[in-house]
Amino acid sequence: MALAASVSCSCRCFDAHLSNSNFNPNKYKKGSNFPPLIHAKPSRQLPLTPDKKSLLLGFSASTLVVVGLGLCICSSASALRPLPLPCHSLQLHLEKDERVDNKSAEEDEKLEAAFETWKSKSFALSVPLSIVALQGSMPPSWPKDFISSQSRRLKLQTKFRPSLEDIFSHLCVPFTKAKGNIRPASTVAADIVTLGDSWLPHAIKKAIIEPITAAEHQDWFQELGHQWKVYLRRNHNGDIDPQGQIWAAPYRWGTMVIAYKKTKFQKHKLPPIQDWADLWRPELAGRISMVNSPREVIGAVLKYMGASYNTTDIDLQVAGGRDAVQRNLALLARQVQLFDSENYLRAFSVGDVWVAVGWSSDVLPVVKRMSNVAVIVPKSGASLWADLWVIPAASRLETDRIGGRVRGPSPLIHQWAEFCLQTARALPLKQGVIAGASPSALESVPVKLIEEITKGKPKLDTNLVAGVPPPEILERCEFLEPFSDATLWDYQRLIDSMPKSGPGFMHMMEYISSIIGTVRLKLSSIKVL
């Protein structure tokens, strides 16, 4: 404003000078007699009249005003700064940012929904897990529950075999031939299979299974009890070795048991069976059936004599040496009517014998369908058995017909082992749906089941609690440790020395004849059809 006032003032002064002077503009038109400046001599100054002085002063003042005006404008422009936005403009910016954020969130939700839809399609990546298990060795709910615990990309396949011997023989077949007929459904093509602990050293020695990689770093192995950790570490000969690799993951275990018919014992006023020594009672001669296993038969004799199942030198470790063991073994052979792992429970069921000696996994499912039967673990202890998960050594096979094993075992093997060892998985075992006990129960005190679980179910007369013997008996039980070839040969010679004309031998021959006759009858009926 001051600058504008000064400019206006200067203009007024200049106008006043022009009006008061005798300035004639026509005098300076073209063709006038006013002398041009270039002809003026530089050394000479023209005299100034008062009117001319006023005119020059007015021009000078105007010039100064114009120059000052330019300087002020330049300095003012350089000092300009952006002014803050008004409040309503700021609000508009915030609303715009919020709309952008909401739009981004909606786009993220759409992308996530599209990704979930893609994953649910059949062509999405799937992770296979193929399992071959012993029939009846795991609860039927496990596969379904495992699928629920994993993502929908899991592709689980389960197959069941009738016996451990059948699984072992199927594992051996591809390795006994130059090029085995290996198909995706073959046992050797599975990611993980069931194997009994007594078969484990033979499978390791034959190299038909492979160790479980990085098992010691997995939670399922770290949470196992000390006894399991020692038992599962083996060298390449199958022997227990603290520095060995981990070859298996347990999922159930049990004991050797003695089952007897209470009605027969009450009728003949016989005291109940409590220990191995009761098998040698004269009144039970010819009334016993037993599994046909050298380790179990000789082991029963050794426990009766106060020795261990894992005796390797009978002459040094057993009172009376080899002769005493051989005498007691001969007496037991006269007591037992049938040594047969396949038919010993059939003889017990039909009433041919009053006592059956076998594995709890076999005995318990059968006696639950019978009445007035008792099942006990002998007071002096018994052998322990375990069902294990092992990995077939398919990587050794030079073939492209191994199904899911072409690229090695499934990455879900550790998840499956972890799943089987969870506390919730032990409930069907505690309820007796499946015979045996959870691996965690081996070194823990068993607790009695709550009434809600056992209510309405027939109660079995047994000293097993949730599949586990009492602590004082369990501490006397033993896993069967691997033997050297020399010790195994010694045990076999003891078995061969047993009398072959006793009731056990004759009854076994009768069963074999009856089986042969049944097979012939079936074959003849097929031919007729």
Protein backbone atom coordinates (compact mmCIF):
# COMPACT_ATOMS: atom_id res chain seq x y z
CA MET A 1 0.00 0.00 0.00
CA ALA A 2 2.83 2.43 0.81
CA LEU A 3 4.44 1.62 -2.51
CA ALA A 4 1.20 2.36 -4.36
CA ALA A 5 0.83 5.67 -2.50
CA SER A 6 4.35 6.74 -3.43
CA VAL A 7 3.76 5.89 -7.09
CA SER A 8 0.52 7.87 -7.09
CA CYS A 9 2.19 10.82 -5.42
CA SER A 10 5.04 10.81 -7.95
CA CYS A 11 2.60 10.75 -10.83
CA ARG A 12 0.69 13.72 -9.40
CA CYS A 13 3.91 15.68 -8.95
CA PHE A 14 4.96 14.94 -12.52
CA ASP A 15 1.55 16.10 -13.82
CA ALA A 16 1.76 19.26 -11.77
CA HIS A 17 5.16 20.11 -13.27
CA LEU A 18 3.88 19.60 -16.73
CA SER A 19 0.87 21.78 -16.21
CA ASN A 20 2.78 24.64 -14.56
CA SER A 21 5.63 24.80 -17.11
CA ASN A 22 5.63 26.18 -20.61
CA PHE A 23 6.25 22.79 -22.08
CA ASN A 24 4.90 22.50 -25.58
CA PRO A 25 4.76 18.95 -26.93
CA ASN A 26 4.41 20.08 -30.51
CA LYS A 27 7.78 21.62 -30.20
CA TYR A 28 9.36 18.17 -30.12
CA LYS A 29 7.51 16.67 -33.07
CA LYS A 30 9.36 15.38 -36.05
CA GLY A 31 10.61 18.17 -38.21
CA SER A 32 10.85 20.68 -35.40
CA ASN A 33 13.91 22.83 -34.90
CA PHE A 34 14.83 21.11 -31.67
CA PRO A 35 18.48 20.13 -32.00
CA PRO A 36 19.23 16.32 -31.72
CA LEU A 37 21.34 15.23 -28.77
CA ILE A 38 24.04 13.63 -30.90
CA HIS A 39 25.08 16.99 -32.21
CA ALA A 40 25.58 18.37 -28.74
CA LYS A 41 29.12 18.71 -27.73
CA PRO A 42 29.96 16.53 -24.72
CA SER A 43 32.19 19.16 -23.17
CA ARG A 44 29.55 21.71 -23.10
CA GLN A 45 26.58 21.85 -20.68
CA LEU A 46 23.38 23.49 -21.60
CA PRO A 47 22.15 26.10 -19.19
CA LEU A 48 19.09 25.01 -17.12
CA THR A 49 16.24 27.27 -16.50
CA PRO A 50 14.06 26.90 -13.36
CA ASP A 51 11.28 25.32 -15.42
CA LYS A 52 13.64 22.74 -16.88
CA LYS A 53 15.02 21.97 -13.46
CA SER A 54 11.53 21.17 -12.18
CA LEU A 55 10.88 18.97 -15.19
CA LEU A 56 14.08 16.97 -14.70
CA LEU A 57 13.40 16.56 -11.01
CA GLY A 58 9.98 15.14 -11.82
CA PHE A 59 11.48 12.61 -14.29
CA SER A 60 14.16 11.62 -11.76
CA ALA A 61 11.63 11.05 -9.03
CA SER A 62 9.45 8.92 -11.32
CA THR A 63 12.46 6.85 -12.38
CA LEU A 64 13.41 6.21 -8.77
CA VAL A 65 9.87 5.20 -7.95
CA VAL A 66 9.75 2.68 -10.83
CA VAL A 67 13.14 1.17 -9.88
CA GLY A 68 12.10 0.95 -6.23
CA LEU A 69 8.84 -0.65 -7.22
CA GLY A 70 10.70 -3.41 -9.12
CA LEU A 71 13.05 -4.08 -6.23
CA CYS A 72 10.14 -4.34 -3.79
CA ILE A 73 8.29 -6.77 -6.04
CA CYS A 74 11.38 -9.02 -6.43
CA SER A 75 12.13 -9.08 -2.72
CA SER A 76 8.47 -9.76 -1.88
CA ALA A 77 8.32 -12.68 -4.37
CA SER A 78 11.43 -14.32 -2.91
CA ALA A 79 9.94 -14.17 0.57
CA LEU A 80 6.67 -15.91 -0.34
CA ARG A 81 5.85 -19.23 1.51
CA PRO A 82 2.94 -21.71 0.98
CA LEU A 83 0.09 -21.00 3.33
CA PRO A 84 -1.53 -23.78 5.43
CA LEU A 85 -4.63 -25.46 3.99
CA PRO A 86 -7.95 -24.47 5.44
CA CYS A 87 -9.68 -26.95 7.79
CA HIS A 88 -12.22 -28.09 5.23
CA SER A 89 -9.41 -28.94 2.76
CA LEU A 90 -7.62 -31.04 5.40
CA GLN A 91 -10.84 -32.92 6.10
CA LEU A 92 -11.23 -33.70 2.41
CA HIS A 93 -7.70 -35.13 2.28
CA LEU A 94 -8.34 -37.38 5.31
CA GLU A 95 -11.59 -38.66 3.83
CA LYS A 96 -9.80 -39.42 0.58
CA ASP A 97 -7.04 -41.39 2.42
CA GLU A 98 -9.67 -43.33 4.34
CA ARG A 99 -11.46 -44.26 1.12
CA VAL A 100 -8.15 -45.49 -0.33
CA ASP A 101 -7.46 -47.63 2.78
CA ASN A 102 -10.93 -49.16 2.67
CA LYS A 103 -10.52 -49.93 -0.99
CA SER A 104 -7.16 -51.63 -0.30
CA ALA A 105 -8.70 -53.70 2.51
CA GLU A 106 -11.51 -54.82 0.22
CA GLU A 107 -9.02 -55.79 -2.46
CA ASP A 108 -7.00 -57.78 0.11
CA GLU A 109 -10.12 -59.65 1.20
CA LYS A 110 -10.99 -60.45 -2.40
CA LEU A 111 -7.47 -61.74 -3.05
CA GLU A 112 -7.54 -63.89 0.07
CA ALA A 113 -10.94 -65.34 -0.85
CA ALA A 114 -9.68 -66.08 -4.36
CA PHE A 115 -6.60 -67.81 -2.93
CA GLU A 116 -8.73 -69.98 -0.63
CA THR A 117 -10.90 -70.93 -3.60
CA TRP A 118 -7.80 -71.87 -5.57
CA LYS A 119 -6.49 -74.03 -2.76
CA SER A 120 -9.75 -75.96 -2.57
CA LYS A 121 -9.60 -76.95 -6.21
CA SER A 122 -8.58 -80.47 -7.17
CA PHE A 123 -5.49 -79.36 -9.07
CA ALA A 124 -3.98 -77.61 -6.02
CA LEU A 125 -0.73 -79.02 -4.61
CA SER A 126 -1.30 -82.02 -2.32
CA VAL A 127 1.03 -83.70 0.17
CA PRO A 128 0.72 -87.52 0.18
CA LEU A 129 1.08 -89.84 3.15
CA SER A 130 0.75 -93.58 2.52
CA ILE A 131 0.44 -95.88 5.56
CA VAL A 132 0.43 -99.67 5.77
CA ALA A 133 -0.65 -100.76 9.25
CA LEU A 134 -1.24 -103.99 11.11
CA GLN A 135 -4.94 -104.72 11.09
CA GLY A 136 -6.56 -103.79 14.41
CA SER A 137 -3.43 -102.11 15.77
CA MET A 138 -4.71 -98.52 15.71
CA PRO A 139 -8.10 -96.93 16.43
CA PRO A 140 -10.34 -96.46 13.36
CA SER A 141 -10.74 -92.76 14.26
CA TRP A 142 -7.04 -91.93 13.85
CA PRO A 143 -6.97 -91.44 10.04
CA LYS A 144 -10.07 -89.24 10.10
CA ASP A 145 -8.79 -87.18 13.04
CA PHE A 146 -5.40 -86.74 11.39
CA ILE A 147 -6.99 -85.46 8.20
CA SER A 148 -8.97 -82.95 10.27
CA SER A 149 -5.82 -81.76 12.02
CA GLN A 150 -4.02 -81.10 8.73
CA SER A 151 -4.84 -78.89 5.77
CA ARG A 152 -7.12 -80.00 2.94
CA ARG A 153 -4.05 -80.58 0.81
CA LEU A 154 -3.25 -83.81 2.71
CA LYS A 155 -3.74 -86.95 0.64
CA LEU A 156 -3.85 -89.84 3.14
CA GLN A 157 -3.92 -93.48 2.06
CA THR A 158 -4.19 -96.32 4.59
CA LYS A 159 -3.95 -100.05 3.98
CA PHE A 160 -4.07 -102.88 6.51
CA ARG A 161 -2.28 -106.23 6.60
CA PRO A 162 -3.40 -109.26 8.64
CA SER A 163 -0.12 -109.96 10.46
CA LEU A 164 3.33 -108.58 11.20
CA GLU A 165 4.85 -111.54 9.39
CA ASP A 166 2.87 -110.58 6.28
CA ILE A 167 4.19 -106.99 6.42
CA PHE A 168 7.76 -108.16 6.93
CA SER A 169 7.58 -110.59 3.99
CA HIS A 170 6.16 -107.87 1.71
CA LEU A 171 9.01 -105.57 2.68
CA CYS A 172 11.55 -108.26 1.83
CA VAL A 173 10.21 -109.22 -1.61
CA PRO A 174 11.58 -106.29 -3.69
CA PHE A 175 15.04 -106.73 -2.16
CA THR A 176 15.22 -110.46 -2.89
CA LYS A 177 14.65 -109.97 -6.62
CA ALA A 178 16.71 -108.09 -9.18
CA LYS A 179 13.71 -105.98 -10.19
CA GLY A 180 10.77 -106.50 -7.93
CA ASN A 181 7.26 -105.90 -9.14
CA ILE A 182 6.86 -102.65 -7.21
CA ARG A 183 3.61 -100.79 -7.64
CA PRO A 184 2.26 -97.69 -5.91
CA ALA A 185 0.07 -99.96 -3.75
CA SER A 186 3.03 -102.14 -2.65
CA THR A 187 4.00 -102.18 1.02
CA VAL A 188 7.53 -101.07 0.18
CA ALA A 189 6.10 -98.04 -1.63
CA ALA A 190 4.40 -96.77 1.55
CA ASP A 191 5.83 -93.85 3.47
CA ILE A 192 5.48 -95.58 6.84
CA VAL A 193 4.49 -99.11 7.93
CA THR A 194 3.85 -101.09 11.11
CA LEU A 195 6.55 -103.42 12.35
CA GLY A 196 6.78 -105.35 15.60
CA ASP A 197 9.76 -104.68 17.87
CA SER A 198 10.91 -108.30 17.59
CA TRP A 199 11.12 -107.86 13.81
CA LEU A 200 13.05 -104.59 14.05
CA PRO A 201 16.63 -105.97 14.31
CA HIS A 202 16.06 -108.32 11.37
CA ALA A 203 14.67 -105.50 9.23
CA ILE A 204 17.66 -103.28 10.06
CA LYS A 205 20.15 -106.04 9.32
CA LYS A 206 18.49 -106.80 5.99
CA ALA A 207 18.44 -103.05 5.20
CA ILE A 208 14.77 -103.16 4.19
CA ILE A 209 14.02 -100.12 6.35
CA GLU A 210 15.85 -96.82 6.81
CA PRO A 211 16.42 -94.65 9.91
CA ILE A 212 14.09 -91.77 10.67
CA THR A 213 16.01 -88.62 9.72
CA ALA A 214 16.43 -85.93 12.41
CA ALA A 215 14.13 -87.79 14.81
CA GLU A 216 16.12 -86.70 17.87
CA HIS A 217 15.18 -83.08 17.15
CA GLN A 218 11.46 -83.78 16.95
CA ASP A 219 9.06 -83.19 19.83
CA TRP A 220 7.61 -86.69 19.64
CA PHE A 221 11.00 -88.28 20.34
CA GLN A 222 12.09 -85.76 22.98
CA GLU A 223 8.90 -86.38 24.95
CA LEU A 224 9.36 -90.17 25.02
CA GLY A 225 10.55 -91.80 28.23
CA HIS A 226 14.16 -92.82 28.74
CA GLN A 227 13.41 -96.51 28.22
CA TRP A 228 12.00 -95.83 24.76
CA LYS A 229 14.90 -93.59 23.77
CA VAL A 230 17.37 -96.33 24.66
CA TYR A 231 15.36 -99.11 23.01
CA LEU A 232 14.87 -97.33 19.67
CA ARG A 233 18.54 -96.46 19.04
CA ARG A 234 20.17 -99.22 17.02
CA ASN A 235 23.32 -99.73 15.00
CA HIS A 236 23.25 -101.21 11.50
CA ASN A 237 23.32 -104.73 12.94
CA GLY A 238 20.07 -104.06 14.77
CA ASP A 239 21.68 -104.07 18.22
CA ILE A 240 20.82 -101.48 20.87
CA ASP A 241 23.48 -98.77 20.72
CA PRO A 242 23.49 -95.42 22.61
CA GLN A 243 25.28 -93.88 19.60
CA GLY A 244 23.02 -95.54 17.05
CA GLN A 245 20.35 -94.01 14.87
CA ILE A 246 16.62 -93.90 15.58
CA TRP A 247 14.85 -96.47 13.45
CA ALA A 248 11.25 -96.42 14.64
CA ALA A 249 8.48 -94.52 16.43
CA PRO A 250 6.28 -96.47 18.89
CA TYR A 251 2.52 -96.07 18.95
CA ARG A 252 1.33 -98.87 21.27
CA TRP A 253 2.74 -101.58 23.51
CA GLY A 254 1.58 -104.45 25.71
CA THR A 255 2.68 -107.54 27.62
CA MET A 256 2.61 -111.30 27.58
CA VAL A 257 -0.48 -112.45 29.55
CA ILE A 258 -2.08 -115.61 30.87
CA ALA A 259 -5.82 -116.05 30.36
CA TYR A 260 -7.80 -118.77 32.17
CA LYS A 261 -11.42 -119.82 32.45
CA LYS A 262 -12.74 -119.09 35.91
CA THR A 263 -15.68 -121.47 35.55
CA LYS A 264 -13.35 -124.44 34.97
CA PHE A 265 -11.13 -123.45 37.86
CA GLN A 266 -14.11 -122.98 40.19
CA LYS A 267 -15.65 -126.26 39.12
CA HIS A 268 -12.46 -128.19 39.87
CA LYS A 269 -11.65 -126.05 42.91
CA LEU A 270 -8.38 -124.85 41.50
CA PRO A 271 -6.67 -121.72 42.84
CA PRO A 272 -6.42 -118.83 40.34
CA ILE A 273 -3.26 -118.39 38.28
CA GLN A 274 -0.94 -115.68 39.56
CA ASP A 275 2.53 -116.42 38.22
CA TRP A 276 4.52 -118.50 35.75
CA ALA A 277 5.03 -121.29 38.28
CA ASP A 278 1.30 -122.11 38.10
CA LEU A 279 1.77 -123.44 34.56
CA TRP A 280 3.73 -126.38 36.00
CA ARG A 281 0.86 -127.47 38.31
CA PRO A 282 0.00 -131.15 37.64
CA GLU A 283 -3.77 -130.51 37.44
CA LEU A 284 -3.20 -128.29 34.36
CA ALA A 285 -1.37 -130.93 32.33
CA GLY A 286 -2.71 -130.89 28.76
CA ARG A 287 -4.94 -127.89 29.58
CA ILE A 288 -2.68 -125.13 28.21
CA SER A 289 -2.17 -123.59 24.77
CA MET A 290 0.73 -121.26 24.04
CA VAL A 291 2.30 -119.25 21.23
CA ASN A 292 4.98 -120.97 19.19
CA SER A 293 7.85 -118.53 19.78
CA PRO A 294 11.25 -119.74 21.04
CA ARG A 295 11.93 -116.47 22.87
CA GLU A 296 8.56 -116.60 24.64
CA VAL A 297 8.59 -120.29 25.47
CA ILE A 298 12.14 -120.34 26.81
CA GLY A 299 11.55 -116.91 28.36
CA ALA A 300 8.68 -118.33 30.42
CA VAL A 301 11.01 -121.05 31.69
CA LEU A 302 13.69 -118.49 32.55
CA LYS A 303 11.20 -116.28 34.47
CA TYR A 304 9.97 -119.37 36.32
CA MET A 305 13.58 -120.01 37.33
CA GLY A 306 14.12 -116.37 38.38
CA ALA A 307 16.24 -115.38 35.36
CA SER A 308 15.82 -112.76 32.65
CA TYR A 309 14.20 -113.03 29.23
CA ASN A 310 17.41 -111.58 27.80
CA THR A 311 19.74 -114.25 29.18
CA THR A 312 22.54 -114.71 26.65
CA ASP A 313 24.67 -117.33 28.46
CA ILE A 314 22.39 -119.88 30.09
CA ASP A 315 25.20 -121.85 31.73
CA LEU A 316 26.59 -118.77 33.51
CA GLN A 317 23.45 -116.74 34.19
CA VAL A 318 20.91 -119.40 35.26
CA ALA A 319 21.04 -121.56 38.38
CA GLY A 320 21.61 -125.15 37.31
CA GLY A 321 22.73 -124.07 33.84
CA ARG A 322 21.56 -125.53 30.59
CA ASP A 323 20.54 -128.91 32.04
CA ALA A 324 18.09 -127.30 34.48
CA VAL A 325 16.55 -125.17 31.76
CA GLN A 326 16.20 -128.19 29.50
CA ARG A 327 14.44 -130.25 32.22
CA ASN A 328 11.92 -127.49 33.01
CA LEU A 329 11.35 -126.95 29.29
CA ALA A 330 10.52 -130.63 28.85
CA LEU A 331 8.07 -130.48 31.77
CA LEU A 332 6.36 -127.44 30.25
CA ALA A 333 6.03 -129.26 26.93
CA ARG A 334 4.07 -131.98 28.71
CA GLN A 335 1.77 -129.37 30.26
CA VAL A 336 1.05 -127.56 26.99
CA GLN A 337 -1.35 -129.23 24.61
CA LEU A 338 -0.69 -126.87 21.70
CA PHE A 339 2.21 -124.61 20.69
CA ASP A 340 0.71 -122.65 17.82
CA SER A 341 0.68 -118.86 17.39
CA GLU A 342 -2.24 -119.06 14.95
CA ASN A 343 -4.59 -121.46 16.72
CA TYR A 344 -3.82 -121.26 20.45
CA LEU A 345 -6.78 -118.92 21.08
CA ARG A 346 -9.11 -121.00 18.94
CA ALA A 347 -8.41 -124.00 21.20
CA PHE A 348 -9.08 -121.78 24.21
CA SER A 349 -12.36 -120.49 22.80
CA VAL A 350 -13.84 -123.90 21.98
CA GLY A 351 -12.90 -125.29 25.37
CA ASP A 352 -10.11 -127.69 24.41
CA VAL A 353 -7.84 -125.94 26.91
CA TRP A 354 -8.45 -123.94 30.08
CA VAL A 355 -5.40 -121.69 29.90
CA ALA A 356 -3.97 -119.60 27.04
CA VAL A 357 -0.58 -117.91 27.08
CA GLY A 358 -0.02 -115.20 24.50
CA TRP A 359 0.34 -111.56 23.63
CA SER A 360 -2.21 -109.14 25.07
CA SER A 361 -2.88 -107.77 21.57
CA ASP A 362 -4.22 -111.23 20.62
CA VAL A 363 -5.79 -112.31 23.90
CA LEU A 364 -7.77 -109.26 25.03
CA PRO A 365 -9.96 -108.85 21.90
CA VAL A 366 -10.92 -112.55 22.07
CA VAL A 367 -11.66 -112.88 25.79
CA LYS A 368 -13.86 -109.75 25.76
CA ARG A 369 -16.35 -111.77 23.75
CA MET A 370 -16.26 -114.53 26.35
CA SER A 371 -17.65 -114.71 29.88
CA ASN A 372 -16.00 -115.77 33.14
CA VAL A 373 -12.45 -115.32 31.90
CA ALA A 374 -9.58 -113.71 33.81
CA VAL A 375 -6.43 -112.22 32.30
CA ILE A 376 -3.32 -111.57 34.38
CA VAL A 377 0.26 -110.44 33.93
CA PRO A 378 2.44 -112.82 36.01
CA LYS A 379 3.76 -111.38 39.28
CA SER A 380 7.39 -112.04 38.40
CA GLY A 381 7.02 -110.01 35.21
CA ALA A 382 6.54 -110.78 31.54
CA SER A 383 7.90 -109.80 28.17
CA LEU A 384 6.86 -106.52 26.58
CA TRP A 385 5.95 -106.08 22.93
CA ALA A 386 5.58 -102.90 20.89
CA ASP A 387 4.15 -101.92 17.53
CA LEU A 388 6.34 -99.38 15.77
CA TRP A 389 6.20 -97.13 12.72
CA VAL A 390 9.16 -97.66 10.37
CA ILE A 391 10.13 -96.28 6.95
CA PRO A 392 10.68 -98.77 4.08
CA ALA A 393 14.08 -98.38 2.39
CA ALA A 394 12.58 -97.67 -1.02
CA SER A 395 15.39 -95.23 -1.85
CA ARG A 396 17.66 -98.25 -2.40
CA LEU A 397 15.52 -99.54 -5.25
CA GLU A 398 16.40 -98.63 -8.81
CA THR A 399 12.91 -98.28 -10.19
CA ASP A 400 10.47 -95.56 -11.18
CA ARG A 401 7.41 -97.49 -10.05
CA ILE A 402 7.37 -96.66 -6.36
CA GLY A 403 4.41 -94.30 -6.39
CA GLY A 404 4.76 -91.53 -3.83
CA ARG A 405 8.25 -92.66 -2.76
CA VAL A 406 10.01 -91.52 -5.94
CA ARG A 407 11.09 -88.31 -4.22
CA GLY A 408 11.66 -89.86 -0.80
CA PRO A 409 9.42 -90.32 2.26
CA SER A 410 6.53 -87.94 2.86
CA PRO A 411 7.34 -84.78 4.86
CA LEU A 412 4.34 -85.62 7.06
CA ILE A 413 5.98 -88.63 8.72
CA HIS A 414 6.99 -86.65 11.80
CA GLN A 415 3.52 -85.09 12.03
CA TRP A 416 1.97 -88.56 11.95
CA ALA A 417 4.29 -89.83 14.71
CA GLU A 418 3.54 -86.72 16.77
CA PHE A 419 -0.20 -87.22 16.22
CA CYS A 420 -0.14 -90.87 17.36
CA LEU A 421 1.66 -89.95 20.59
CA GLN A 422 -0.70 -87.15 21.62
CA THR A 423 -2.55 -87.60 24.90
CA ALA A 424 -5.94 -87.49 23.17
CA ARG A 425 -4.96 -90.46 20.98
CA ALA A 426 -4.54 -92.66 24.08
CA LEU A 427 -8.25 -92.57 24.97
CA PRO A 428 -9.32 -95.48 22.69
CA LEU A 429 -6.47 -97.53 24.17
CA LYS A 430 -7.57 -96.72 27.72
CA GLN A 431 -11.16 -97.57 26.85
CA GLY A 432 -10.09 -100.93 25.45
CA VAL A 433 -11.26 -100.18 21.91
CA ILE A 434 -7.77 -101.25 20.85
CA ALA A 435 -5.63 -103.60 22.93
CA GLY A 436 -2.45 -102.09 24.32
CA ALA A 437 -1.33 -98.87 25.94
CA SER A 438 0.06 -95.54 24.84
CA PRO A 439 3.89 -95.26 24.86
CA SER A 440 3.65 -92.49 27.48
CA ALA A 441 2.12 -95.01 29.93
CA LEU A 442 5.26 -97.16 30.02
CA GLU A 443 7.00 -94.99 32.61
CA SER A 444 4.00 -93.36 34.29
CA VAL A 445 1.76 -94.63 37.06
CA PRO A 446 -1.53 -95.86 35.54
CA VAL A 447 -4.71 -94.26 36.77
CA LYS A 448 -8.12 -95.88 36.92
CA LEU A 449 -10.59 -94.77 34.30
CA ILE A 450 -13.39 -92.49 35.31
CA GLU A 451 -16.84 -94.05 35.58
CA GLU A 452 -18.20 -92.15 32.56
CA ILE A 453 -15.76 -94.00 30.30
CA THR A 454 -16.33 -97.52 31.66
CA LYS A 455 -20.03 -97.18 32.42
CA GLY A 456 -22.18 -99.76 30.65
CA LYS A 457 -19.23 -101.87 29.52
CA PRO A 458 -18.54 -105.42 30.73
CA LYS A 459 -15.80 -105.47 33.31
CA LEU A 460 -12.90 -107.84 32.66
CA ASP A 461 -11.27 -109.60 35.59
CA THR A 462 -7.65 -108.51 35.13
CA ASN A 463 -4.77 -106.82 36.88
CA LEU A 464 -4.26 -104.56 33.86
CA VAL A 465 -5.32 -100.94 34.39
CA ALA A 466 -5.94 -99.14 31.11
CA GLY A 467 -3.79 -101.79 29.45
CA VAL A 468 -0.89 -101.31 31.89
CA PRO A 469 0.27 -103.78 34.59
CA PRO A 470 0.58 -102.58 38.19
CA PRO A 471 3.84 -100.64 38.82
CA GLU A 472 5.39 -103.41 40.96
CA ILE A 473 4.86 -105.91 38.11
CA LEU A 474 5.74 -103.50 35.30
CA GLU A 475 9.19 -102.88 36.73
CA ARG A 476 9.90 -106.62 36.36
CA CYS A 477 8.78 -106.71 32.73
CA GLU A 478 11.30 -106.61 29.88
CA PHE A 479 11.50 -105.85 26.20
CA LEU A 480 13.10 -108.63 24.18
CA GLU A 481 16.56 -107.39 23.24
CA PRO A 482 18.27 -108.53 20.02
CA PHE A 483 20.39 -111.68 20.30
CA SER A 484 23.47 -112.68 18.42
CA ASP A 485 23.22 -115.49 15.89
CA ALA A 486 25.05 -117.80 18.27
CA THR A 487 22.55 -117.17 21.11
CA LEU A 488 19.58 -117.58 18.78
CA TRP A 489 21.00 -120.87 17.58
CA ASP A 490 21.38 -122.01 21.20
CA TYR A 491 17.73 -121.19 21.91
CA GLN A 492 16.64 -123.06 18.81
CA ARG A 493 18.56 -126.16 19.91
CA LEU A 494 16.69 -126.08 23.22
CA ILE A 495 13.39 -125.98 21.36
CA ASP A 496 14.48 -128.86 19.14
CA SER A 497 15.30 -130.92 22.24
CA MET A 498 11.70 -130.75 23.47
CA PRO A 499 9.81 -134.12 23.38
CA LYS A 500 7.94 -134.62 20.11
CA SER A 501 5.49 -137.27 21.36
CA GLY A 502 3.75 -135.25 24.04
CA PRO A 503 0.18 -133.93 23.90
CA GLY A 504 1.35 -130.61 22.49
CA PHE A 505 3.03 -132.22 19.50
CA MET A 506 0.15 -134.63 18.81
CA HIS A 507 -2.46 -131.92 19.08
CA MET A 508 -0.48 -129.70 16.74
CA MET A 509 -0.42 -132.47 14.16
CA GLU A 510 -4.18 -132.87 14.52
CA TYR A 511 -4.70 -129.16 13.88
CA ILE A 512 -2.44 -129.25 10.84
CA SER A 513 -4.40 -132.24 9.45
CA SER A 514 -7.71 -130.48 10.05
CA ILE A 515 -6.46 -127.31 8.29
CA ILE A 516 -5.25 -129.36 5.30
CA GLY A 517 -8.63 -131.11 5.14
CA THR A 518 -10.49 -127.79 5.23
CA VAL A 519 -8.38 -126.39 2.42
CA ARG A 520 -8.96 -129.49 0.29
CA LEU A 521 -12.70 -129.22 0.90
CA LYS A 522 -12.74 -125.58 -0.22
CA LEU A 523 -10.72 -126.37 -3.33
CA SER A 524 -13.07 -129.20 -4.30
CA SER A 525 -16.12 -126.95 -3.85
CA ILE A 526 -14.51 -124.33 -6.09
CA LYS A 527 -13.90 -126.94 -8.80
CA VAL A 528 -17.54 -128.03 -8.63
CA LEU A 529 -18.67 -124.42 -9.10
